[in-house]
Amino acid sequence: MPITPTPSANLLQLLPEAVVQTDALWEITYLNPAWHKLTGHSVAAALGRSLLEFVHPDDIGTMRSGMPVFRLRFADADYRWVRLQFHPETDAAERVISRQGVLIEITEVTEQVLVEIRQRFLRLLETIDGVVWEAEIGVGNTFLSPQVERLFGYSVEEWRADPGFWRAHVHPDDLEEALVIDDAAYNATHSHAYEMSYRLIAKSGKVVWVRDLCRAVVEPGRPNRMIGLMIDVTQQKNTELDLLRSENRYSLATRGSNDGIWYWDLRTDALHVSGRFLQIVGLGSRDHVYDGGWRFLEQLIDREDRARVQEAYRRHLSGNSANFSVDFRAFHGAGRLVWVNWRGLAEFEDGVPMRMAGSLSDLAERGSSYDALTNLPGRPLFRDRLAQLIALHQNDGVNGDGEPIRAGATMFAVLLLDLNGFKAVNDCYGHHVGDQLLQQVARRLESCVRAVDLVARMSGDEFNVLLESIDPAEASQRAEQIAAALAAPYVIGEHTVISGASVGLATSASRLATVDDYLRAADTAMYQAKSQSLGVCVAP
């Protein structure tokens, strides 16, 4: 849908920043004259072409997933770092029909940030409890982190010297299934995430159970490659069936894991769940053992999802699937819905299922780059952007009042918003109305911020806003404007819904150290705003 020559479009012609619009398939439908001034490409030659033609091949995947920072090919054939935060326009069915955004060159700043990020990444690899790897067809491992020696006894050099090293050291009983998954990734036609569990023969001859979290990366003109994280789960495998019979063994098996663990004795119908399981669904003070396993689970599952969940595990128990994994909406003790993944495996004796064990994961914490319901960035992208701003701000000098002394210093603010009365909306009108309310909230939030800012949905009815290049006073004013905008009535079908939001604000003037520090400060301020009906509360 190209921009028509209206008065507002004429104003776009005068803007010093490049304005870019594409359709849903990334074909360029509008450019203002600043495009030519910035990139050197003529407007006429670029219109009708795919924007992806101008993006660096290594950045196409991340750009399409919502990352606003990538390399763009200029007319002199050099690639330079730019920021292009797209704002999608959707139809009545919430399908994207066009995207608009402002293109800004940020080469110097981004290169500094990338150096810092690379240094932090290398330090992270030294502490992570797993082997980070990358492999390419016909080449073998193109990258392998040093933990391979600690976990498996092999040096990085001897592993990478042989393209067939991994296949030669997978346990023979697991090799056939592992090769099927591996070959499928090498021959995939699109990028996708997958997971493998198998046994690996260590250099000492010891058998190590490995959980391999992988992603196949498919890019035009390049051979398929895979990236992944190998985790030693030997202890978990050896103890999962009796992990709740002994508190010490349970603690050992689940240490370092952020998943909830469960064990279901099908003979007695007793379901054992871990403390983390209860925490995910907001039942932290409850018992850990429940008579009537399905009765307990059923009350946690949203009514619209119950039949699908029950079908998934019954199909496994009937022998029609090797295991089961199902996503569903669970009722949280705080009165909201949370998306979780429930998966497990049954043990059979003479063809009869006797017991099951598995895990429960909070999908909001696992995260994805974009939220499908609201079309907003998700938790990982928000955390990445905030981490970049923290790194830049920590390099700025400050005076005695904590204000930056360098011109152009990067100040920012973090807002955490929680809708008021969202559970009542779901209870009164149904989840479909609640979902539409979240979508309208997302659009209002986007209309309240600038192109350089970031709005994200973190989980449930919780949103975050990252305001860039803004001082504390301006951030507080913007937070009040957002609260006022969200307080206006929402028209959803035949219903008029009043919701509003409680807003917590944390600014860079506090000089906090980490992403979690800022999110905790904003969260604490939000709860104070909610408990005292303040609307907006600023963290000290």
Protein backbone atom coordinates (compact mmCIF):
# COMPACT_ATOMS: atom_id res chain seq x y z
CA MET A 1 0.00 0.00 0.00
CA PRO A 2 2.16 2.96 -1.21
CA ILE A 3 1.86 6.34 0.50
CA THR A 4 -0.33 8.74 -1.53
CA PRO A 5 0.59 12.39 -2.00
CA THR A 6 -1.34 13.88 0.96
CA PRO A 7 -0.20 16.89 3.07
CA SER A 8 1.36 14.46 5.58
CA ALA A 9 3.17 12.67 2.76
CA ASN A 10 4.46 16.03 1.53
CA LEU A 11 5.88 16.62 5.00
CA LEU A 12 7.66 13.28 4.77
CA GLN A 13 9.37 14.56 1.64
CA LEU A 14 10.99 17.30 3.74
CA LEU A 15 12.22 15.11 6.58
CA PRO A 16 16.04 14.85 6.91
CA GLU A 17 15.68 11.21 7.99
CA ALA A 18 15.01 8.47 5.43
CA VAL A 19 11.46 7.13 5.62
CA VAL A 20 10.98 3.57 4.34
CA GLN A 21 7.74 1.69 3.69
CA THR A 22 7.38 -1.90 2.47
CA ASP A 23 4.52 -4.28 1.88
CA ALA A 24 4.11 -7.54 3.81
CA LEU A 25 6.65 -9.29 1.54
CA TRP A 26 9.31 -6.56 2.02
CA GLU A 27 8.82 -4.92 -1.40
CA ILE A 28 9.65 -1.20 -1.09
CA THR A 29 6.50 0.87 -1.70
CA TYR A 30 7.63 4.33 -0.57
CA LEU A 31 10.88 6.26 0.03
CA ASN A 32 11.34 9.93 0.73
CA PRO A 33 14.25 11.91 -0.85
CA ALA A 34 16.40 11.47 2.27
CA TRP A 35 16.85 7.81 1.22
CA HIS A 36 19.03 8.91 -1.70
CA LYS A 37 20.96 11.42 0.42
CA LEU A 38 21.71 8.76 3.09
CA THR A 39 22.36 5.64 0.99
CA GLY A 40 23.31 7.02 -2.43
CA HIS A 41 20.69 4.78 -4.09
CA SER A 42 18.14 6.60 -6.19
CA VAL A 43 14.54 6.47 -5.02
CA ALA A 44 13.24 5.46 -8.44
CA ALA A 45 15.65 2.53 -8.76
CA ALA A 46 14.82 1.20 -5.28
CA LEU A 47 11.02 1.40 -5.47
CA GLY A 48 9.48 -1.97 -6.29
CA ARG A 49 12.57 -3.91 -5.20
CA SER A 50 12.82 -6.02 -2.08
CA LEU A 51 14.40 -4.27 0.90
CA LEU A 52 16.16 -7.57 1.61
CA GLU A 53 18.31 -6.98 -1.50
CA PHE A 54 19.99 -4.11 0.35
CA VAL A 55 20.51 -5.96 3.67
CA HIS A 56 23.73 -7.84 4.41
CA PRO A 57 23.12 -11.61 3.87
CA ASP A 58 24.23 -12.39 7.43
CA ASP A 59 21.67 -9.94 8.85
CA ILE A 60 18.56 -10.85 6.82
CA GLY A 61 17.34 -13.45 9.33
CA THR A 62 17.69 -11.21 12.38
CA MET A 63 16.18 -8.21 10.57
CA ARG A 64 13.11 -10.21 9.51
CA SER A 65 12.65 -11.48 13.07
CA GLY A 66 12.40 -7.90 14.36
CA MET A 67 15.96 -6.81 15.20
CA PRO A 68 16.07 -3.11 14.21
CA VAL A 69 19.88 -2.92 13.90
CA PHE A 70 21.54 -4.44 10.79
CA ARG A 71 23.97 -3.69 7.93
CA LEU A 72 22.66 -2.00 4.79
CA ARG A 73 24.41 -1.85 1.40
CA PHE A 74 25.05 1.75 0.34
CA ALA A 75 25.58 2.90 -3.25
CA ASP A 76 29.36 2.72 -2.87
CA ALA A 77 28.91 -1.08 -2.25
CA ASP A 78 29.98 -0.77 1.39
CA TYR A 79 27.77 -2.13 4.13
CA ARG A 80 27.10 0.22 7.04
CA TRP A 81 25.25 -0.25 10.31
CA VAL A 82 21.78 1.28 10.45
CA ARG A 83 18.75 1.25 12.73
CA LEU A 84 15.31 0.76 11.16
CA GLN A 85 12.51 0.15 13.67
CA PHE A 86 9.50 -0.92 11.62
CA HIS A 87 5.94 -0.22 12.75
CA PRO A 88 3.59 -2.71 11.07
CA GLU A 89 0.12 -1.89 9.78
CA THR A 90 -2.37 -4.75 10.02
CA ASP A 91 -5.76 -5.58 8.57
CA ALA A 92 -8.89 -6.59 10.48
CA ALA A 93 -7.50 -10.13 10.87
CA GLU A 94 -4.29 -8.71 12.42
CA ARG A 95 -2.24 -9.74 9.36
CA VAL A 96 0.63 -7.45 8.45
CA ILE A 97 -0.09 -5.53 5.23
CA SER A 98 2.70 -2.95 5.36
CA ARG A 99 5.60 -1.71 7.48
CA GLN A 100 6.91 1.82 7.98
CA GLY A 101 9.99 3.13 9.74
CA VAL A 102 12.76 5.73 9.89
CA LEU A 103 16.25 4.69 8.71
CA ILE A 104 19.22 6.05 10.70
CA GLU A 105 22.92 5.33 10.17
CA ILE A 106 24.64 4.33 13.44
CA THR A 107 27.88 2.78 12.21
CA GLU A 108 30.30 4.21 14.75
CA VAL A 109 28.12 3.63 17.80
CA THR A 110 27.17 0.12 16.69
CA GLU A 111 30.75 -0.97 16.05
CA GLN A 112 31.66 0.06 19.59
CA VAL A 113 28.67 -1.82 20.97
CA LEU A 114 29.50 -4.90 18.90
CA VAL A 115 33.05 -4.98 20.26
CA GLU A 116 31.70 -4.81 23.80
CA ILE A 117 29.09 -7.46 23.09
CA ARG A 118 31.73 -9.78 21.58
CA GLN A 119 33.93 -9.35 24.66
CA ARG A 120 31.01 -10.14 26.94
CA PHE A 121 30.10 -13.12 24.78
CA LEU A 122 33.61 -14.58 25.01
CA ARG A 123 33.60 -14.13 28.78
CA LEU A 124 30.18 -15.78 28.94
CA LEU A 125 31.46 -18.81 27.04
CA GLU A 126 34.05 -19.32 29.77
CA THR A 127 31.37 -19.69 32.44
CA ILE A 128 28.44 -21.37 30.66
CA ASP A 129 27.86 -24.98 31.69
CA GLY A 130 27.69 -26.44 28.21
CA VAL A 131 29.42 -26.62 24.83
CA VAL A 132 28.45 -23.93 22.30
CA TRP A 133 29.02 -25.12 18.73
CA GLU A 134 28.49 -24.25 15.08
CA ALA A 135 28.74 -26.73 12.20
CA GLU A 136 28.52 -26.58 8.41
CA ILE A 137 27.88 -29.36 5.94
CA GLY A 138 31.09 -30.82 4.51
CA VAL A 139 33.20 -28.79 6.96
CA GLY A 140 32.24 -30.06 10.39
CA ASN A 141 32.49 -27.75 13.39
CA THR A 142 33.37 -24.19 12.44
CA PHE A 143 33.21 -23.16 16.12
CA LEU A 144 33.47 -25.08 19.40
CA SER A 145 33.73 -23.60 22.89
CA PRO A 146 36.53 -24.77 25.24
CA GLN A 147 34.10 -26.51 27.63
CA VAL A 148 34.24 -29.52 25.30
CA GLU A 149 37.45 -30.55 27.06
CA ARG A 150 35.96 -30.31 30.56
CA LEU A 151 32.72 -32.13 29.66
CA PHE A 152 33.99 -34.77 27.24
CA GLY A 153 37.79 -34.78 27.55
CA TYR A 154 38.51 -33.90 23.90
CA SER A 155 40.47 -30.79 22.92
CA VAL A 156 38.89 -28.28 20.56
CA GLU A 157 41.66 -28.98 18.03
CA GLU A 158 41.19 -32.74 17.81
CA TRP A 159 37.40 -32.42 17.61
CA ARG A 160 37.49 -29.81 14.82
CA ALA A 161 40.24 -31.59 12.87
CA ASP A 162 37.82 -34.35 11.80
CA PRO A 163 34.54 -33.31 10.06
CA GLY A 164 33.00 -36.66 11.09
CA PHE A 165 34.16 -36.49 14.74
CA TRP A 166 30.72 -36.01 16.30
CA ARG A 167 29.10 -38.81 14.30
CA ALA A 168 31.96 -41.15 15.20
CA HIS A 169 31.46 -40.59 18.95
CA VAL A 170 27.67 -40.76 19.30
CA HIS A 171 26.68 -43.96 21.13
CA PRO A 172 25.89 -46.70 18.55
CA ASP A 173 22.40 -47.24 20.00
CA ASP A 174 21.53 -43.57 19.43
CA LEU A 175 23.39 -42.98 16.16
CA GLU A 176 20.65 -43.90 13.69
CA GLU A 177 18.05 -41.56 15.20
CA ALA A 178 20.63 -38.78 15.70
CA LEU A 179 21.73 -39.00 12.04
CA VAL A 180 18.14 -38.72 10.82
CA ILE A 181 17.71 -35.47 12.77
CA ASP A 182 21.16 -34.20 11.77
CA ASP A 183 20.68 -34.94 8.06
CA ALA A 184 17.25 -33.27 8.12
CA ALA A 185 18.87 -30.09 9.47
CA TYR A 186 21.62 -30.17 6.81
CA ASN A 187 18.97 -30.53 4.09
CA ALA A 188 16.34 -28.19 5.56
CA THR A 189 14.67 -25.64 3.31
CA HIS A 190 13.97 -23.13 6.10
CA SER A 191 15.52 -22.15 9.42
CA HIS A 192 14.07 -23.90 12.45
CA ALA A 193 14.86 -24.86 16.04
CA TYR A 194 15.12 -28.48 17.11
CA GLU A 195 16.38 -30.56 20.01
CA MET A 196 18.19 -33.87 20.38
CA SER A 197 18.96 -36.16 23.30
CA TYR A 198 21.62 -38.82 22.86
CA ARG A 199 24.63 -40.46 24.48
CA LEU A 200 28.17 -39.40 23.61
CA ILE A 201 31.31 -41.47 24.26
CA ALA A 202 33.78 -39.31 26.20
CA LYS A 203 37.54 -39.61 25.77
CA SER A 204 37.73 -41.61 29.02
CA GLY A 205 35.19 -44.10 27.63
CA LYS A 206 32.46 -42.79 29.92
CA VAL A 207 28.95 -42.54 28.43
CA VAL A 208 27.58 -38.99 28.75
CA TRP A 209 23.91 -38.16 28.18
CA VAL A 210 23.64 -34.97 26.12
CA ARG A 211 20.72 -32.60 25.60
CA ASP A 212 21.50 -30.66 22.42
CA LEU A 213 19.50 -27.45 21.82
CA CYS A 214 19.99 -26.66 18.14
CA ARG A 215 18.94 -24.39 15.31
CA ALA A 216 19.29 -25.00 11.57
CA VAL A 217 20.18 -21.76 9.76
CA VAL A 218 19.14 -21.61 6.11
CA GLU A 219 20.23 -18.56 4.11
CA PRO A 220 20.12 -17.96 0.33
CA GLY A 221 23.39 -18.69 -1.40
CA ARG A 222 25.05 -20.30 1.64
CA PRO A 223 25.30 -23.92 2.74
CA ASN A 224 23.14 -24.87 5.69
CA ARG A 225 24.75 -24.50 9.08
CA MET A 226 23.70 -25.44 12.59
CA ILE A 227 24.31 -23.78 15.93
CA GLY A 228 23.62 -25.31 19.30
CA LEU A 229 24.35 -25.85 22.97
CA MET A 230 25.32 -29.31 24.26
CA ILE A 231 24.44 -29.83 27.93
CA ASP A 232 25.50 -32.79 30.07
CA VAL A 233 22.22 -34.20 31.46
CA THR A 234 23.60 -37.57 32.59
CA GLN A 235 22.65 -36.96 36.19
CA GLN A 236 19.13 -35.92 35.26
CA LYS A 237 18.65 -39.02 33.10
CA ASN A 238 19.86 -41.34 35.86
CA THR A 239 17.63 -39.85 38.55
CA GLU A 240 14.47 -38.54 36.82
CA LEU A 241 12.26 -41.51 37.80
CA ASP A 242 12.98 -41.20 41.51
CA LEU A 243 13.93 -37.52 41.69
CA LEU A 244 11.14 -36.77 44.18
CA ARG A 245 11.75 -39.78 46.47
CA SER A 246 14.74 -38.07 48.00
CA GLU A 247 15.02 -34.32 48.54
CA ASN A 248 18.79 -34.38 48.09
CA ARG A 249 18.64 -36.29 44.80
CA TYR A 250 15.81 -34.04 43.59
CA SER A 251 17.83 -30.91 44.39
CA LEU A 252 20.84 -32.31 42.55
CA ALA A 253 18.82 -33.30 39.47
CA THR A 254 17.12 -29.93 39.07
CA ARG A 255 19.96 -27.61 40.10
CA GLY A 256 20.66 -25.08 37.38
CA SER A 257 17.43 -25.88 35.55
CA ASN A 258 14.66 -23.32 35.21
CA ASP A 259 12.04 -25.95 34.30
CA GLY A 260 9.50 -27.46 36.66
CA ILE A 261 9.92 -31.22 37.14
CA TRP A 262 7.09 -33.72 37.61
CA TYR A 263 6.70 -37.47 38.17
CA TRP A 264 3.39 -39.30 37.75
CA ASP A 265 2.87 -42.77 39.24
CA LEU A 266 0.15 -44.12 36.95
CA ARG A 267 -0.53 -47.09 39.22
CA THR A 268 -1.57 -44.91 42.18
CA ASP A 269 -2.41 -41.76 40.12
CA ALA A 270 -0.16 -39.73 42.44
CA LEU A 271 1.47 -36.74 40.76
CA HIS A 272 4.70 -35.34 42.27
CA VAL A 273 5.72 -31.83 41.24
CA SER A 274 8.77 -29.73 42.07
CA GLY A 275 8.80 -26.32 43.70
CA ARG A 276 9.73 -24.73 40.38
CA PHE A 277 6.66 -26.38 38.76
CA LEU A 278 4.43 -24.73 41.38
CA GLN A 279 6.27 -21.42 40.99
CA ILE A 280 5.61 -21.32 37.24
CA VAL A 281 1.83 -21.58 37.84
CA GLY A 282 1.88 -19.35 40.93
CA LEU A 283 1.18 -22.05 43.53
CA GLY A 284 4.43 -21.80 45.46
CA SER A 285 2.97 -22.63 48.90
CA ARG A 286 1.05 -25.75 47.87
CA ASP A 287 1.86 -29.42 48.48
CA HIS A 288 4.22 -31.28 46.16
CA VAL A 289 2.17 -34.50 45.87
CA TYR A 290 -1.38 -34.70 44.46
CA ASP A 291 -3.72 -37.70 44.41
CA GLY A 292 -5.56 -37.72 41.12
CA GLY A 293 -2.93 -36.43 38.69
CA TRP A 294 -5.21 -35.39 35.85
CA ARG A 295 -7.72 -33.71 38.19
CA PHE A 296 -4.92 -31.49 39.50
CA LEU A 297 -3.59 -30.71 36.01
CA GLU A 298 -7.04 -30.11 34.52
CA GLN A 299 -7.79 -27.23 36.88
CA LEU A 300 -4.55 -25.50 35.77
CA ILE A 301 -5.30 -25.71 32.02
CA ASP A 302 -7.41 -23.11 30.24
CA ARG A 303 -10.74 -24.68 29.29
CA GLU A 304 -10.17 -24.11 25.58
CA ASP A 305 -6.89 -26.08 25.72
CA ARG A 306 -7.83 -29.04 27.94
CA ALA A 307 -8.97 -31.46 25.25
CA ARG A 308 -5.83 -30.81 23.18
CA VAL A 309 -3.52 -31.36 26.16
CA GLN A 310 -5.28 -34.55 27.21
CA GLU A 311 -5.13 -35.90 23.66
CA ALA A 312 -1.35 -35.28 23.53
CA TYR A 313 -0.45 -37.36 26.59
CA ARG A 314 -3.09 -40.07 25.95
CA ARG A 315 -1.70 -40.52 22.44
CA HIS A 316 1.71 -41.15 23.99
CA LEU A 317 0.30 -43.61 26.55
CA SER A 318 -1.42 -45.54 23.77
CA GLY A 319 1.93 -46.02 22.02
CA ASN A 320 1.18 -43.73 19.06
CA SER A 321 4.00 -41.27 19.83
CA ALA A 322 7.50 -41.71 21.23
CA ASN A 323 6.96 -38.90 23.77
CA PHE A 324 4.72 -35.89 24.11
CA SER A 325 5.19 -32.12 24.16
CA VAL A 326 2.29 -29.66 24.21
CA ASP A 327 1.94 -25.90 24.73
CA PHE A 328 -1.08 -24.52 26.56
CA ARG A 329 -2.38 -21.59 28.60
CA ALA A 330 -2.23 -22.23 32.35
CA PHE A 331 -4.06 -20.38 35.10
CA HIS A 332 -1.54 -18.58 37.31
CA GLY A 333 -2.19 -18.10 41.01
CA ALA A 334 -1.97 -14.33 40.48
CA GLY A 335 -5.08 -14.46 38.31
CA ARG A 336 -3.54 -14.30 34.85
CA LEU A 337 -2.86 -16.78 32.07
CA VAL A 338 0.69 -17.94 31.28
CA TRP A 339 1.84 -19.94 28.27
CA VAL A 340 3.69 -23.12 29.29
CA ASN A 341 5.14 -26.19 27.62
CA TRP A 342 4.38 -29.58 29.24
CA ARG A 343 6.36 -32.57 28.06
CA GLY A 344 7.30 -36.00 29.26
CA LEU A 345 7.98 -39.67 28.69
CA ALA A 346 6.26 -42.80 29.99
CA GLU A 347 7.86 -46.05 31.15
CA PHE A 348 6.07 -49.24 30.09
CA GLU A 349 6.11 -52.74 31.57
CA ASP A 350 4.73 -55.50 29.34
CA GLY A 351 3.16 -52.84 27.17
CA VAL A 352 1.38 -51.15 30.07
CA PRO A 353 2.33 -47.55 31.03
CA MET A 354 3.42 -47.55 34.68
CA ARG A 355 4.87 -44.09 35.30
CA MET A 356 5.68 -40.84 33.55
CA ALA A 357 8.21 -38.07 34.16
CA GLY A 358 8.98 -34.78 32.47
CA SER A 359 9.15 -31.01 32.78
CA LEU A 360 7.07 -27.84 32.66
CA SER A 361 8.57 -24.71 31.04
CA ASP A 362 7.46 -21.09 31.23
CA LEU A 363 7.35 -20.09 27.55
CA ALA A 364 7.45 -16.39 28.38
CA GLU A 365 10.80 -16.88 30.12
CA ARG A 366 12.09 -19.07 27.33
CA GLY A 367 10.94 -16.33 25.04
CA SER A 368 11.02 -15.63 21.35
CA SER A 369 12.13 -12.59 19.34
CA TYR A 370 8.55 -11.56 18.57
CA ASP A 371 5.12 -12.01 20.19
CA ALA A 372 2.63 -13.46 17.70
CA LEU A 373 -0.49 -12.07 19.41
CA THR A 374 0.50 -8.39 19.65
CA ASN A 375 3.16 -8.32 16.91
CA LEU A 376 5.50 -6.71 19.43
CA PRO A 377 9.09 -7.68 20.22
CA GLY A 378 9.42 -10.22 23.03
CA ARG A 379 11.58 -10.56 26.11
CA PRO A 380 14.92 -11.53 24.43
CA LEU A 381 14.94 -8.55 22.04
CA PHE A 382 14.00 -6.12 24.82
CA ARG A 383 16.75 -7.44 27.09
CA ASP A 384 19.31 -7.19 24.27
CA ARG A 385 18.39 -3.56 23.53
CA LEU A 386 18.47 -2.64 27.23
CA ALA A 387 21.87 -4.33 27.66
CA GLN A 388 23.27 -2.23 24.79
CA LEU A 389 22.02 1.00 26.36
CA ILE A 390 23.41 0.07 29.77
CA ALA A 391 26.84 -0.59 28.22
CA LEU A 392 26.83 2.78 26.45
CA HIS A 393 25.58 4.67 29.50
CA GLN A 394 28.16 3.11 31.80
CA ASN A 395 30.88 4.59 29.58
CA ASP A 396 29.48 8.12 29.98
CA GLY A 397 30.96 10.44 32.60
CA VAL A 398 28.58 11.97 35.19
CA ASN A 399 28.69 14.99 37.49
CA GLY A 400 27.94 15.04 41.21
CA ASP A 401 24.18 14.92 40.57
CA GLY A 402 24.46 11.82 38.40
CA GLU A 403 23.80 13.73 35.18
CA PRO A 404 25.91 12.97 32.08
CA ILE A 405 28.62 15.53 31.35
CA ARG A 406 29.33 14.48 27.74
CA ALA A 407 27.21 15.96 24.98
CA GLY A 408 24.98 13.38 23.38
CA ALA A 409 25.36 10.96 26.31
CA THR A 410 22.96 8.05 26.13
CA MET A 411 20.25 8.37 28.77
CA PHE A 412 17.27 6.05 28.87
CA ALA A 413 14.31 4.89 30.93
CA VAL A 414 12.60 1.54 31.49
CA LEU A 415 8.82 1.34 31.96
CA LEU A 416 7.00 -1.76 33.19
CA LEU A 417 3.22 -1.74 32.73
CA ASP A 418 0.66 -4.15 34.14
CA LEU A 419 -2.99 -3.87 33.07
CA ASN A 420 -5.56 -3.25 35.79
CA GLY A 421 -8.48 -5.66 35.94
CA PHE A 422 -7.29 -7.86 33.07
CA LYS A 423 -8.48 -11.05 34.79
CA ALA A 424 -11.95 -9.54 35.16
CA VAL A 425 -12.04 -8.84 31.41
CA ASN A 426 -11.23 -12.49 30.64
CA ASP A 427 -13.75 -13.73 33.21
CA CYS A 428 -16.56 -11.45 32.03
CA TYR A 429 -16.11 -11.48 28.26
CA GLY A 430 -13.83 -14.46 27.48
CA HIS A 431 -10.21 -14.83 26.45
CA HIS A 432 -10.88 -13.74 22.87
CA VAL A 433 -11.86 -10.30 24.17
CA GLY A 434 -8.83 -10.32 26.48
CA ASP A 435 -6.60 -11.08 23.51
CA GLN A 436 -8.10 -8.21 21.50
CA LEU A 437 -7.61 -5.90 24.49
CA LEU A 438 -3.90 -6.82 24.55
CA GLN A 439 -3.67 -6.05 20.83
CA GLN A 440 -5.28 -2.64 21.28
CA VAL A 441 -3.01 -1.87 24.23
CA ALA A 442 -0.01 -2.73 22.05
CA ARG A 443 -1.16 -0.31 19.34
CA ARG A 444 -1.75 2.49 21.85
CA LEU A 445 1.68 1.98 23.35
CA GLU A 446 3.28 2.19 19.91
CA SER A 447 1.42 5.43 19.23
CA CYS A 448 2.76 6.96 22.46
CA VAL A 449 6.46 6.44 21.74
CA ARG A 450 9.03 7.65 19.20
CA ALA A 451 10.67 5.64 16.42
CA VAL A 452 13.82 5.18 18.51
CA ASP A 453 11.89 3.70 21.46
CA LEU A 454 10.96 0.06 21.93
CA VAL A 455 7.67 -1.46 23.10
CA ALA A 456 7.70 -5.16 24.06
CA ARG A 457 5.30 -7.69 25.49
CA MET A 458 7.03 -9.60 28.27
CA SER A 459 4.28 -12.03 29.35
CA GLY A 460 0.53 -12.13 29.97
CA ASP A 461 -0.73 -8.57 30.44
CA GLU A 462 2.74 -7.19 31.21
CA PHE A 463 4.44 -4.81 28.78
CA ASN A 464 7.77 -2.98 28.82
CA VAL A 465 8.78 0.26 27.14
CA LEU A 466 12.38 1.34 26.58
CA LEU A 467 12.76 5.10 26.07
CA GLU A 468 16.06 6.16 24.52
CA SER A 469 17.88 9.52 24.75
CA ILE A 470 15.53 10.90 27.39
CA ASP A 471 16.14 12.56 30.74
CA PRO A 472 14.28 11.55 33.94
CA ALA A 473 11.82 14.47 33.84
CA GLU A 474 10.86 13.78 30.21
CA ALA A 475 10.58 10.06 30.95
CA SER A 476 8.19 10.75 33.82
CA GLN A 477 6.04 12.94 31.58
CA ARG A 478 5.99 10.26 28.88
CA ALA A 479 4.97 7.64 31.47
CA GLU A 480 2.04 9.84 32.58
CA GLN A 481 0.99 10.27 28.93
CA ILE A 482 1.10 6.51 28.40
CA ALA A 483 -0.95 5.86 31.55
CA ALA A 484 -3.54 8.40 30.39
CA ALA A 485 -3.71 6.85 26.91
CA LEU A 486 -4.24 3.35 28.31
CA ALA A 487 -6.95 4.56 30.70
CA ALA A 488 -9.28 5.59 27.86
CA PRO A 489 -12.12 3.07 27.13
CA TYR A 490 -11.56 0.28 24.60
CA VAL A 491 -14.27 -0.72 22.13
CA ILE A 492 -14.05 -4.44 21.40
CA GLY A 493 -16.93 -5.73 19.34
CA GLU A 494 -20.09 -4.94 21.25
CA HIS A 495 -18.21 -4.39 24.51
CA THR A 496 -16.75 -1.21 26.00
CA VAL A 497 -13.85 -2.18 28.25
CA ILE A 498 -12.20 -0.02 30.91
CA SER A 499 -8.76 -1.24 31.94
CA GLY A 500 -5.89 1.24 32.41
CA ALA A 501 -2.47 0.27 33.69
CA SER A 502 -0.11 0.61 36.63
CA VAL A 503 3.28 1.90 35.47
CA GLY A 504 6.67 1.54 37.13
CA LEU A 505 9.55 3.71 35.88
CA ALA A 506 13.33 3.28 36.34
CA THR A 507 15.74 5.74 34.70
CA SER A 508 19.43 5.53 33.84
CA ALA A 509 20.09 8.26 36.41
CA SER A 510 20.04 5.45 39.00
CA ARG A 511 23.20 4.02 37.36
CA LEU A 512 22.08 0.43 37.95
CA ALA A 513 24.45 -2.30 36.79
CA THR A 514 22.47 -4.96 34.92
CA VAL A 515 19.34 -5.61 32.87
CA ASP A 516 17.79 -7.51 35.78
CA ASP A 517 18.53 -4.60 38.14
CA TYR A 518 16.52 -2.20 35.95
CA LEU A 519 13.66 -4.66 35.45
CA ARG A 520 13.45 -5.35 39.20
CA ALA A 521 13.45 -1.63 39.99
CA ALA A 522 10.67 -0.97 37.46
CA ASP A 523 8.73 -4.00 38.72
CA THR A 524 8.94 -2.81 42.34
CA ALA A 525 7.77 0.66 41.32
CA MET A 526 4.90 -0.84 39.31
CA TYR A 527 3.64 -2.85 42.29
CA GLN A 528 3.79 0.28 44.43
CA ALA A 529 1.77 2.15 41.81
CA LYS A 530 -0.78 -0.69 41.71
CA SER A 531 -1.08 -1.08 45.50
CA GLN A 532 -1.45 2.67 46.06
CA SER A 533 -3.51 3.43 42.91
CA LEU A 534 -0.89 5.93 41.80
CA GLY A 535 -0.99 5.24 38.08
CA VAL A 536 2.75 5.92 37.71
CA CYS A 537 5.47 5.37 40.28
CA VAL A 538 9.15 6.23 39.78
CA ALA A 539 11.82 3.96 41.28
CA PRO A 540 14.21 5.79 43.64
